[in-house]
Protein backbone atom coordinates (compact mmCIF):
# COMPACT_ATOMS: atom_id res chain seq x y z
CA MET A 1 0.00 0.00 0.00
CA LYS A 2 1.30 3.44 -0.96
CA ILE A 3 0.21 6.97 -0.09
CA THR A 4 -1.15 8.67 -3.20
CA ASN A 5 -2.31 12.00 -1.78
CA VAL A 6 -2.55 14.08 1.38
CA ARG A 7 -5.40 16.59 1.52
CA ALA A 8 -6.53 19.12 4.11
CA VAL A 9 -9.32 21.62 4.67
CA GLN A 10 -10.47 23.91 7.46
CA PRO A 11 -14.17 23.21 8.08
CA ILE A 12 -15.86 26.01 10.03
CA ALA A 13 -19.10 25.17 11.77
CA SER A 14 -21.74 27.85 12.27
CA ASN A 15 -21.24 27.67 16.03
CA SER A 16 -17.44 27.89 15.90
CA PRO A 17 -16.13 30.46 18.41
CA PRO A 18 -15.07 33.87 16.99
CA ASP A 19 -11.44 33.69 18.11
CA TRP A 20 -8.17 31.88 17.29
CA ARG A 21 -9.96 28.52 17.69
CA THR A 22 -11.63 29.35 14.38
CA SER A 23 -9.03 31.43 12.55
CA LEU A 24 -6.22 29.02 13.51
CA GLY A 25 -8.50 26.19 14.50
CA GLN A 26 -9.17 22.60 13.61
CA ILE A 27 -8.28 21.20 10.21
CA LEU A 28 -9.38 17.92 8.66
CA VAL A 29 -6.64 15.84 7.03
CA ALA A 30 -7.22 12.97 4.59
CA VAL A 31 -4.49 10.53 3.54
CA ASP A 32 -5.38 8.52 0.42
CA THR A 33 -3.81 5.24 -0.69
CA ASP A 34 -3.65 3.13 -3.83
CA ALA A 35 -5.57 0.41 -1.95
CA GLY A 36 -8.69 2.56 -1.90
CA LEU A 37 -8.43 3.28 1.83
CA THR A 38 -8.48 6.83 3.20
CA GLY A 39 -7.46 7.77 6.72
CA TYR A 40 -8.85 10.84 8.47
CA GLY A 41 -7.29 12.93 11.21
CA VAL A 42 -7.86 16.30 12.84
CA GLY A 43 -5.04 18.75 13.42
CA GLY A 44 -4.80 22.49 13.97
CA GLY A 45 -3.45 25.67 12.48
CA GLY A 46 -6.30 26.85 10.27
CA LYS A 47 -5.43 27.83 6.70
CA ALA A 48 -1.75 28.06 7.62
CA GLY A 49 -1.90 24.48 8.90
CA VAL A 50 -3.59 23.37 5.68
CA HIS A 51 -0.72 24.93 3.72
CA VAL A 52 1.89 23.07 5.80
CA VAL A 53 0.02 19.78 5.29
CA GLU A 54 -0.38 20.19 1.54
CA THR A 55 3.23 21.23 0.91
CA VAL A 56 5.99 20.12 3.29
CA LEU A 57 4.17 17.25 5.03
CA ARG A 58 2.67 15.86 1.83
CA ASP A 59 6.13 15.85 0.22
CA ALA A 60 7.54 13.96 3.22
CA VAL A 61 5.12 11.00 2.93
CA LEU A 62 3.89 10.86 -0.67
CA GLY A 63 4.55 7.51 -2.33
CA ARG A 64 5.54 5.82 0.92
CA ASP A 65 4.03 2.86 2.74
CA PRO A 66 1.67 4.28 5.42
CA GLU A 67 2.14 1.40 7.88
CA PRO A 68 5.41 2.47 9.62
CA VAL A 69 3.63 5.48 11.15
CA GLU A 70 6.36 6.23 13.66
CA ARG A 71 9.02 6.45 10.93
CA LEU A 72 6.79 8.72 8.89
CA TRP A 73 6.37 10.92 11.98
CA ASP A 74 10.16 11.26 12.20
CA ALA A 75 10.32 12.20 8.52
CA MET A 76 7.63 14.87 8.92
CA TYR A 77 9.27 16.26 12.06
CA ALA A 78 12.61 16.50 10.27
CA ALA A 79 10.97 18.23 7.31
CA THR A 80 9.45 20.92 9.57
CA LEU A 81 12.36 21.22 11.99
CA ALA A 82 13.60 24.57 10.66
CA PHE A 83 10.27 26.28 11.36
CA GLY A 84 8.45 23.83 13.62
CA ARG A 85 9.27 22.00 16.88
CA LYS A 86 6.27 23.59 18.63
CA GLY A 87 3.07 25.35 17.75
CA LEU A 88 1.39 25.53 14.38
CA ALA A 89 3.64 23.14 12.44
CA ILE A 90 3.22 20.39 15.05
CA MET A 91 -0.54 21.01 15.14
CA ALA A 92 -0.62 20.41 11.38
CA LEU A 93 1.62 17.34 11.68
CA SER A 94 -0.78 15.97 14.30
CA GLY A 95 -3.58 15.76 11.75
CA VAL A 96 -1.46 13.75 9.30
CA ASP A 97 -0.25 11.43 12.06
CA LEU A 98 -3.81 10.75 13.20
CA ALA A 99 -4.89 10.07 9.61
CA LEU A 100 -2.06 7.53 9.35
CA TRP A 101 -3.21 5.85 12.57
CA ASP A 102 -6.75 5.76 11.17
CA LEU A 103 -5.33 4.02 8.08
CA ARG A 104 -3.37 1.60 10.27
CA GLY A 105 -6.58 0.60 12.04
CA LYS A 106 -8.58 0.31 8.82
CA ALA A 107 -5.90 -1.83 7.17
CA ALA A 108 -5.95 -4.18 10.18
CA ASN A 109 -9.77 -3.96 10.50
CA GLN A 110 -9.31 -2.96 14.14
CA PRO A 111 -10.13 0.10 16.23
CA VAL A 112 -7.10 2.16 17.16
CA ALA A 113 -7.81 1.41 20.82
CA GLU A 114 -7.26 -2.29 20.15
CA LEU A 115 -4.03 -1.55 18.28
CA LEU A 116 -2.91 0.18 21.47
CA GLY A 117 -3.83 -2.81 23.62
CA GLY A 118 -7.20 -1.60 24.89
CA LYS A 119 -10.85 -2.51 24.42
CA THR A 120 -13.94 -0.87 22.99
CA GLY A 121 -17.41 -0.74 24.50
CA GLU A 122 -16.29 0.07 28.04
CA ALA A 123 -18.05 2.93 29.85
CA ILE A 124 -15.59 5.82 30.31
CA PRO A 125 -16.65 8.63 32.67
CA VAL A 126 -16.74 12.12 31.14
CA TYR A 127 -16.13 15.43 32.84
CA ILE A 128 -17.98 18.37 31.38
CA THR A 129 -16.31 21.74 30.91
CA VAL A 130 -18.54 24.73 31.66
CA TRP A 131 -17.87 28.45 31.30
CA ASP A 132 -20.58 29.98 33.45
CA ASP A 133 -22.64 27.59 35.54
CA VAL A 134 -23.79 24.00 35.87
CA SER A 135 -27.39 23.30 34.94
CA PRO A 136 -29.51 21.00 37.11
CA GLU A 137 -29.58 18.51 34.23
CA GLN A 138 -25.79 18.49 34.00
CA ALA A 139 -25.51 18.14 37.77
CA ASP A 140 -27.64 15.01 37.59
CA GLU A 141 -25.93 13.44 34.56
CA PHE A 142 -22.22 13.98 35.18
CA THR A 143 -19.91 12.96 38.02
CA ALA A 144 -17.11 15.42 37.23
CA PHE A 145 -17.06 19.12 36.30
CA LYS A 146 -14.48 21.70 35.22
CA LEU A 147 -15.24 25.39 35.58
CA HIS A 148 -13.49 28.05 33.48
CA VAL A 149 -12.50 30.85 35.85
CA GLY A 150 -9.68 32.72 34.11
CA LYS A 151 -11.65 35.77 32.98
CA ASN A 152 -10.84 37.78 36.10
CA GLU A 153 -7.17 38.81 36.21
CA SER A 154 -7.52 41.40 38.95
CA ALA A 155 -6.64 41.21 42.62
CA ALA A 156 -10.27 40.29 43.27
CA ALA A 157 -9.87 37.04 41.32
CA ALA A 158 -9.44 34.89 44.44
CA LYS A 159 -12.73 36.00 46.01
CA ASP A 160 -14.59 35.80 42.70
CA VAL A 161 -13.34 32.26 42.07
CA HIS A 162 -14.10 31.26 45.66
CA ASP A 163 -17.69 32.39 45.29
CA ARG A 164 -18.19 30.60 41.98
CA VAL A 165 -16.57 27.38 43.16
CA GLU A 166 -18.59 27.42 46.37
CA ARG A 167 -21.81 27.80 44.37
CA ILE A 168 -20.93 24.93 42.03
CA ARG A 169 -19.86 22.67 44.89
CA ARG A 170 -23.21 23.23 46.63
CA LEU A 171 -25.03 22.41 43.40
CA ILE A 172 -23.19 19.17 42.56
CA GLY A 173 -22.71 17.94 46.12
CA PRO A 174 -19.59 16.95 48.08
CA LYS A 175 -18.65 13.70 46.30
CA LYS A 176 -18.38 14.68 42.64
CA MET A 177 -15.10 15.81 41.07
CA LEU A 178 -14.62 19.55 40.60
CA MET A 179 -11.76 21.28 38.78
CA ILE A 180 -11.08 24.85 37.66
CA ASP A 181 -9.33 26.15 34.55
CA ALA A 182 -7.66 29.58 34.52
CA TRP A 183 -6.39 29.28 30.91
CA MET A 184 -2.97 30.86 31.61
CA GLN A 185 -4.49 34.11 32.93
CA TRP A 186 -3.03 34.32 36.46
CA ASP A 187 0.30 34.97 38.13
CA LEU A 188 1.86 33.02 40.99
CA GLU A 189 0.36 35.16 43.77
CA THR A 190 -3.18 34.96 42.39
CA THR A 191 -2.93 31.21 41.96
CA LEU A 192 -1.74 30.72 45.53
CA ALA A 193 -4.53 32.94 46.83
CA VAL A 194 -7.14 30.98 44.87
CA ALA A 195 -5.71 27.66 46.08
CA GLU A 196 -5.79 28.83 49.70
CA ARG A 197 -9.42 29.98 49.45
CA CYS A 198 -10.71 27.02 47.41
CA HIS A 199 -8.78 24.10 48.87
CA GLN A 200 -11.69 23.47 51.24
CA PHE A 201 -13.93 22.56 48.29
CA GLY A 202 -11.83 19.52 47.37
CA LEU A 203 -10.58 20.68 43.98
CA ALA A 204 -9.15 17.83 41.91
CA TRP A 205 -6.88 20.31 40.12
CA ILE A 206 -6.25 23.89 39.03
CA GLU A 207 -5.60 23.87 35.29
CA GLU A 208 -3.08 26.12 33.52
CA PRO A 209 -3.07 29.00 36.00
CA LEU A 210 0.23 30.37 34.60
CA PRO A 211 1.55 30.83 31.05
CA ALA A 212 2.58 27.48 29.62
CA ASP A 213 6.29 28.33 29.51
CA ASP A 214 6.56 29.68 33.07
CA TYR A 215 8.40 26.59 34.27
CA ASP A 216 9.90 28.31 37.31
CA GLY A 217 6.47 29.54 38.38
CA TYR A 218 5.01 26.05 38.08
CA ALA A 219 7.92 24.67 40.09
CA ARG A 220 7.06 27.11 42.89
CA LEU A 221 3.39 26.13 42.71
CA HIS A 222 4.35 22.49 43.07
CA GLU A 223 6.19 23.37 46.27
CA LEU A 224 3.63 25.72 47.78
CA THR A 225 0.07 24.81 46.85
CA PRO A 226 -1.98 21.96 48.34
CA VAL A 227 -4.14 21.77 45.20
CA PRO A 228 -2.85 19.61 42.30
CA ILE A 229 -1.80 21.53 39.20
CA ALA A 230 -2.75 20.38 35.69
CA GLY A 231 -1.43 21.50 32.33
CA GLY A 232 0.04 20.57 28.98
CA GLU A 233 -2.81 21.46 26.64
CA HIS A 234 -0.46 23.98 25.00
CA GLU A 235 2.71 21.88 25.03
CA PHE A 236 4.05 20.00 22.02
CA THR A 237 5.75 16.63 21.38
CA ALA A 238 7.15 14.18 23.89
CA ARG A 239 10.32 16.27 23.94
CA GLY A 240 8.33 19.23 25.20
CA PHE A 241 6.69 17.15 27.93
CA ARG A 242 10.01 15.73 29.11
CA GLU A 243 10.97 18.81 31.13
CA ILE A 244 7.48 19.10 32.63
CA ILE A 245 7.69 15.50 33.78
CA ASP A 246 11.32 15.60 34.94
CA ARG A 247 10.75 18.77 37.00
CA ARG A 248 7.42 17.54 38.37
CA LEU A 249 5.71 20.74 37.25
CA HIS A 250 2.23 19.21 36.88
CA THR A 251 0.38 16.52 38.78
CA VAL A 252 -1.94 15.95 35.80
CA LEU A 253 -0.76 16.15 32.18
CA GLN A 254 -3.27 17.22 29.51
CA PRO A 255 -1.81 16.77 26.03
CA ASP A 256 -4.18 17.37 23.12
CA VAL A 257 -3.65 14.56 20.63
CA CYS A 258 -4.79 16.83 17.76
CA TRP A 259 -2.10 19.38 18.62
CA CYS A 260 0.78 17.74 20.49
CA GLY A 261 2.05 15.64 17.59
CA GLY A 262 -0.68 13.06 17.15
CA MET A 263 -1.09 9.56 18.54
CA THR A 264 2.57 8.74 17.95
CA GLU A 265 3.62 11.37 20.48
CA LEU A 266 0.73 10.78 22.88
CA VAL A 267 1.83 7.15 23.28
CA LYS A 268 5.31 8.36 24.25
CA ILE A 269 3.89 10.92 26.69
CA TYR A 270 1.79 8.26 28.39
CA GLU A 271 4.82 6.00 28.74
CA MET A 272 6.98 8.76 30.25
CA ALA A 273 4.19 9.76 32.62
CA ARG A 274 3.58 6.16 33.70
CA ASN A 275 7.24 5.70 34.55
CA ALA A 276 7.18 8.94 36.57
CA HIS A 277 3.85 8.13 38.31
CA VAL A 278 2.13 11.17 36.79
CA ARG A 279 -1.47 11.10 35.60
CA VAL A 280 -2.44 11.82 31.98
CA CYS A 281 -5.90 13.18 31.23
CA PRO A 282 -5.94 14.30 27.57
CA HIS A 283 -7.50 17.58 26.55
CA ARG A 284 -10.81 16.92 24.72
CA GLY A 285 -10.46 13.23 25.54
CA ALA A 286 -14.07 12.34 24.70
CA GLU A 287 -13.51 13.15 21.02
CA PRO A 288 -12.61 10.08 18.92
CA TRP A 289 -8.91 10.90 18.54
CA GLY A 290 -8.22 11.15 22.25
CA LEU A 291 -10.83 8.63 23.37
CA HIS A 292 -9.03 5.70 21.78
CA ALA A 293 -5.94 6.59 23.81
CA VAL A 294 -7.96 6.99 27.00
CA ALA A 295 -9.63 3.61 26.43
CA ALA A 296 -6.29 1.87 25.99
CA LEU A 297 -3.47 3.80 27.64
CA ASP A 298 -5.32 5.15 30.66
CA VAL A 299 -6.37 1.65 31.64
CA ALA A 300 -2.79 0.46 31.22
CA ALA A 301 -1.58 3.28 33.44
CA ALA A 302 -4.23 2.56 36.05
CA THR A 303 -3.21 -1.08 36.35
CA HIS A 304 0.55 -0.69 36.00
CA PRO A 305 2.43 -2.58 38.77
CA SER A 306 4.59 0.46 39.51
CA GLY A 307 1.91 1.85 41.82
CA VAL A 308 0.73 4.64 39.52
CA ALA A 309 -2.85 3.51 40.18
CA ALA A 310 -2.98 6.03 43.04
CA ARG A 311 -2.59 8.80 40.46
CA ASN A 312 -4.73 7.21 37.73
CA PRO A 313 -7.69 5.76 39.66
CA ALA A 314 -9.86 5.46 36.55
CA PRO A 315 -10.01 6.69 32.95
CA LEU A 316 -11.56 10.14 32.58
CA ALA A 317 -12.42 11.92 29.34
CA GLU A 318 -13.09 15.63 28.84
CA SER A 319 -16.25 16.51 26.93
CA GLY A 320 -15.65 17.48 23.30
CA ARG A 321 -16.35 20.69 21.43
CA ALA A 322 -19.75 21.45 19.92
CA TRP A 323 -18.18 23.03 16.83
CA MET A 324 -16.64 19.67 15.80
CA SER A 325 -20.05 18.66 14.42
CA TRP A 326 -18.59 18.09 10.93
CA VAL A 327 -16.92 14.90 12.24
CA GLY A 328 -19.46 12.08 12.05
CA GLY A 329 -19.31 8.90 14.06
CA GLN A 330 -18.34 10.57 17.32
CA PRO A 331 -19.47 8.45 20.28
CA ALA A 332 -22.39 9.98 22.14
CA ILE A 333 -22.08 11.00 25.77
CA GLU A 334 -24.98 9.41 27.63
CA ASN A 335 -25.59 9.43 31.37
CA GLY A 336 -22.17 10.95 31.95
CA VAL A 337 -20.19 8.22 30.15
CA VAL A 338 -18.95 7.56 26.62
CA ARG A 339 -18.28 4.25 24.86
CA LEU A 340 -16.17 3.52 21.80
CA SER A 341 -17.68 1.48 19.00
CA ASP A 342 -15.78 -1.41 17.44
CA ALA A 343 -15.47 0.39 14.08
CA ALA A 344 -12.04 0.17 12.44
CA GLY A 345 -9.58 3.01 12.81
CA PHE A 346 -10.98 5.93 14.79
CA GLY A 347 -14.50 5.06 13.67
CA VAL A 348 -15.14 8.54 12.26
CA GLU A 349 -17.35 9.29 9.28
CA ILE A 350 -16.57 12.21 6.97
CA ASP A 351 -19.03 13.46 4.39
CA GLU A 352 -16.57 14.59 1.74
CA ALA A 353 -19.40 15.75 -0.50
CA GLY A 354 -20.05 18.50 2.02
CA LEU A 355 -16.40 19.48 2.46
CA PRO A 356 -14.05 20.95 -0.20
CA LEU A 357 -11.33 18.35 0.35
C-alpha cells in the first residue's frame, strides 16, 4: 500500500467560536492510498496548517508505505524542523499522524484502541467543561465538572473564584469531582490565593493557571500549593513534555492529541508519565482521537504494577467541542459516560461531499 495524496481543509461550523480557535482552529486531514483506503485525522493551524500539510508534510510522505507510522512521523518532524518543533507546524503534523493511525486501524480492521492494547465498548466517565454555571440537568448526569475561571485577572480574582466554586460545589454535592481552569491568565500570587481559598472545596486540580512556559512559576506552585496543578494542553511533542515531567511541574498532564504531535507522540507521553507516576488526562479526551488513547493507555496506566494507580484511579475523558459537528461517528455521551464502538480506525465518518477536500 502506498500513499497517493494528502489533503486538508479547514471546516468552520456555524457555532465555531469567533477567536483563534476558528481562525487558527481545527483542520481535517485525509491521507489517500492506492488500496482505496483513506485515513482521516484532525489537526490544527487553520489555513496556515492546511498549507503546511499540503506542501511540506505531503512531500515527506507521498509515495511511501503508510504502515510504519512512527518512521513517517520522524520524517515529517525532520521536514518541519527549521520552522516547527512547537506550535502551528506540530498542530498540522498531528492531523497527518492521526490520519495515518486511522489508516493503520482500517488496514488491520481494528479500532485504534485495540491496536494500542485496549478494548472498545467500556463505559468511560466524562467530565464536562462549563464556562458559566452547571445546569440542574448536568448536575444530575455527570460525576465530574471543570469550571473556566480565568476571565478575572484582577486582585479580586481569588474571592470571585471562591464564590463561583462554592456555588458549584453546593449544586453538585460533596462527592463529585470539581476542577477549575484559569487558561494561563493568572500569576503566581493569584494562583496561591485561589488555592488557599478554594482548597476546602476539594478541587481535583487547578488547570493552567500560569503561562505554559513559566516553568519556574510552576515549580514554585508544586512546592507551595496543596491543590494539584494540571497543564500541557499547550505543550508539544514528547520532547516538550520531558521537562514538565522531569521537573514535576504538573500533577496531571493534559496533552491534546490533535495538537501535540498526534497519537505517535501521545503514546510516548503516556509512557513517560507512567514511569514517573504522573497522571495523563488528555484535553478533549471524549472526542474520537483522544478517546481511543484513553480507552487503551489510561487503563494500562491505572493497572501498572509500579503503583501509579494512586494517580490514575480510573479513565476520565473531557467533553468534546460542539463546533466539531462536521466529524461524524463521534461516540455519544450518555448518562455521563462515553463508549467507543468497534469500528475500524478511529470510527469517524466524513461526508466529503459537504467538504471541499
